[in-house]
């Protein structure tokens, strides 16, 4: 139970700091979609939070790196 409380607190803090309306809308959509399987919902939430942390930490790919990764992935 404490883990859920910690996650809720973290989410509240992240949401309060977020100013991008599209990100907030995505979070709202994710949380209100009742048709989503709870496991999928948890995975998507974790991915969204990790993405936010990566962006805040400056872990971003440049255009060249993204093109290379996309090309490499499609070549598989």
C-alpha atoms as a PDB file:
ATOM      1  CA  UNK A   1       0.000   0.000   0.000  1.00  0.00           C
ATOM      2  CA  UNK A   2       2.862   2.376   0.791  1.00  0.00           C
ATOM      3  CA  UNK A   3       4.201   1.896  -2.711  1.00  0.00           C
ATOM      4  CA  UNK A   4       0.903   3.079  -4.233  1.00  0.00           C
ATOM      5  CA  UNK A   5       0.901   6.122  -1.960  1.00  0.00           C
ATOM      6  CA  UNK A   6       4.485   6.960  -2.965  1.00  0.00           C
ATOM      7  CA  UNK A   7       3.599   6.644  -6.648  1.00  0.00           C
ATOM      8  CA  UNK A   8       0.530   8.852  -6.243  1.00  0.00           C
ATOM      9  CA  UNK A   9       2.582  11.497  -4.466  1.00  0.00           C
ATOM     10  CA  UNK A  10       5.221  11.388  -7.191  1.00  0.00           C
ATOM     11  CA  UNK A  11       2.574  11.642  -9.904  1.00  0.00           C
ATOM     12  CA  UNK A  12       0.973  14.627  -8.196  1.00  0.00           C
ATOM     13  CA  UNK A  13       4.340  16.374  -8.000  1.00  0.00           C
ATOM     14  CA  UNK A  14       5.158  15.637 -11.631  1.00  0.00           C
ATOM     15  CA  UNK A  15       1.742  16.816 -12.786  1.00  0.00           C
ATOM     16  CA  UNK A  16       1.986  20.025 -10.765  1.00  0.00           C
ATOM     17  CA  UNK A  17       5.338  20.853 -12.405  1.00  0.00           C
ATOM     18  CA  UNK A  18       4.169  19.971 -15.929  1.00  0.00           C
ATOM     19  CA  UNK A  19       3.139  22.919 -18.090  1.00  0.00           C
ATOM     20  CA  UNK A  20       2.768  21.181 -21.466  1.00  0.00           C
ATOM     21  CA  UNK A  21      -0.971  20.826 -22.071  1.00  0.00           C
ATOM     22  CA  UNK A  22      -0.517  17.927 -24.497  1.00  0.00           C
ATOM     23  CA  UNK A  23       1.356  15.892 -21.885  1.00  0.00           C
ATOM     24  CA  UNK A  24      -1.286  16.662 -19.284  1.00  0.00           C
ATOM     25  CA  UNK A  25      -4.010  15.662 -21.746  1.00  0.00           C
ATOM     26  CA  UNK A  26      -2.186  12.399 -22.469  1.00  0.00           C
ATOM     27  CA  UNK A  27      -1.975  11.652 -18.758  1.00  0.00           C
ATOM     28  CA  UNK A  28      -5.682  12.426 -18.321  1.00  0.00           C
ATOM     29  CA  UNK A  29      -6.585  10.196 -21.253  1.00  0.00           C
ATOM     30  CA  UNK A  30      -4.424   7.397 -19.917  1.00  0.00           C
ATOM     31  CA  UNK A  31      -5.953   7.575 -16.465  1.00  0.00           C
ATOM     32  CA  UNK A  32      -9.566   7.874 -17.622  1.00  0.00           C
ATOM     33  CA  UNK A  33      -9.545   5.148 -20.252  1.00  0.00           C
ATOM     34  CA  UNK A  34     -11.450   2.441 -18.431  1.00  0.00           C
ATOM     35  CA  UNK A  35     -11.134   0.054 -21.332  1.00  0.00           C
ATOM     36  CA  UNK A  36      -7.396  -0.257 -20.797  1.00  0.00           C
ATOM     37  CA  UNK A  37      -6.217  -3.407 -19.110  1.00  0.00           C
ATOM     38  CA  UNK A  38      -4.765  -2.533 -15.696  1.00  0.00           C
ATOM     39  CA  UNK A  39      -1.401  -4.131 -16.517  1.00  0.00           C
ATOM     40  CA  UNK A  40      -1.169  -2.173 -19.767  1.00  0.00           C
ATOM     41  CA  UNK A  41      -2.195   0.988 -17.945  1.00  0.00           C
ATOM     42  CA  UNK A  42       0.588   0.453 -15.387  1.00  0.00           C
ATOM     43  CA  UNK A  43       3.185  -0.169 -18.104  1.00  0.00           C
ATOM     44  CA  UNK A  44       2.157   2.930 -20.034  1.00  0.00           C
ATOM     45  CA  UNK A  45       2.223   5.046 -16.895  1.00  0.00           C
ATOM     46  CA  UNK A  46       5.709   3.810 -16.024  1.00  0.00           C
ATOM     47  CA  UNK A  47       6.910   4.542 -19.563  1.00  0.00           C
ATOM     48  CA  UNK A  48       5.442   8.045 -19.458  1.00  0.00           C
ATOM     49  CA  UNK A  49       7.074   8.787 -16.116  1.00  0.00           C
ATOM     50  CA  UNK A  50      10.413   7.403 -17.289  1.00  0.00           C
ATOM     51  CA  UNK A  51      10.197   9.527 -20.426  1.00  0.00           C
ATOM     52  CA  UNK A  52       9.555  12.621 -18.347  1.00  0.00           C
ATOM     53  CA  UNK A  53      12.566  11.819 -16.158  1.00  0.00           C
ATOM     54  CA  UNK A  54      14.751  11.250 -19.231  1.00  0.00           C
ATOM     55  CA  UNK A  55      13.658  14.550 -20.769  1.00  0.00           C
ATOM     56  CA  UNK A  56      14.258  16.419 -17.517  1.00  0.00           C
ATOM     57  CA  UNK A  57      17.723  14.849 -17.259  1.00  0.00           C
ATOM     58  CA  UNK A  58      18.558  15.851 -20.839  1.00  0.00           C
ATOM     59  CA  UNK A  59      18.676  12.284 -22.154  1.00  0.00           C
ATOM     60  CA  UNK A  60      17.541  13.096 -25.660  1.00  0.00           C
ATOM     61  CA  UNK A  61      18.490  11.805 -29.094  1.00  0.00           C
ATOM     62  CA  UNK A  62      19.533  14.154 -31.840  1.00  0.00           C
ATOM     63  CA  UNK A  63      18.041  13.845 -35.325  1.00  0.00           C
ATOM     64  CA  UNK A  64      21.018  11.863 -36.627  1.00  0.00           C
ATOM     65  CA  UNK A  65      20.912   9.353 -33.774  1.00  0.00           C
ATOM     66  CA  UNK A  66      17.166   8.889 -34.157  1.00  0.00           C
ATOM     67  CA  UNK A  67      17.507   8.347 -37.914  1.00  0.00           C
ATOM     68  CA  UNK A  68      20.276   5.781 -37.327  1.00  0.00           C
ATOM     69  CA  UNK A  69      18.259   3.910 -34.695  1.00  0.00           C
ATOM     70  CA  UNK A  70      15.162   3.906 -36.904  1.00  0.00           C
ATOM     71  CA  UNK A  71      17.135   2.671 -39.904  1.00  0.00           C
ATOM     72  CA  UNK A  72      18.841  -0.034 -37.833  1.00  0.00           C
ATOM     73  CA  UNK A  73      15.495  -1.158 -36.372  1.00  0.00           C
ATOM     74  CA  UNK A  74      13.805  -1.320 -39.763  1.00  0.00           C
ATOM     75  CA  UNK A  75      16.724  -3.265 -41.237  1.00  0.00           C
ATOM     76  CA  UNK A  76      16.100  -6.168 -38.835  1.00  0.00           C
END
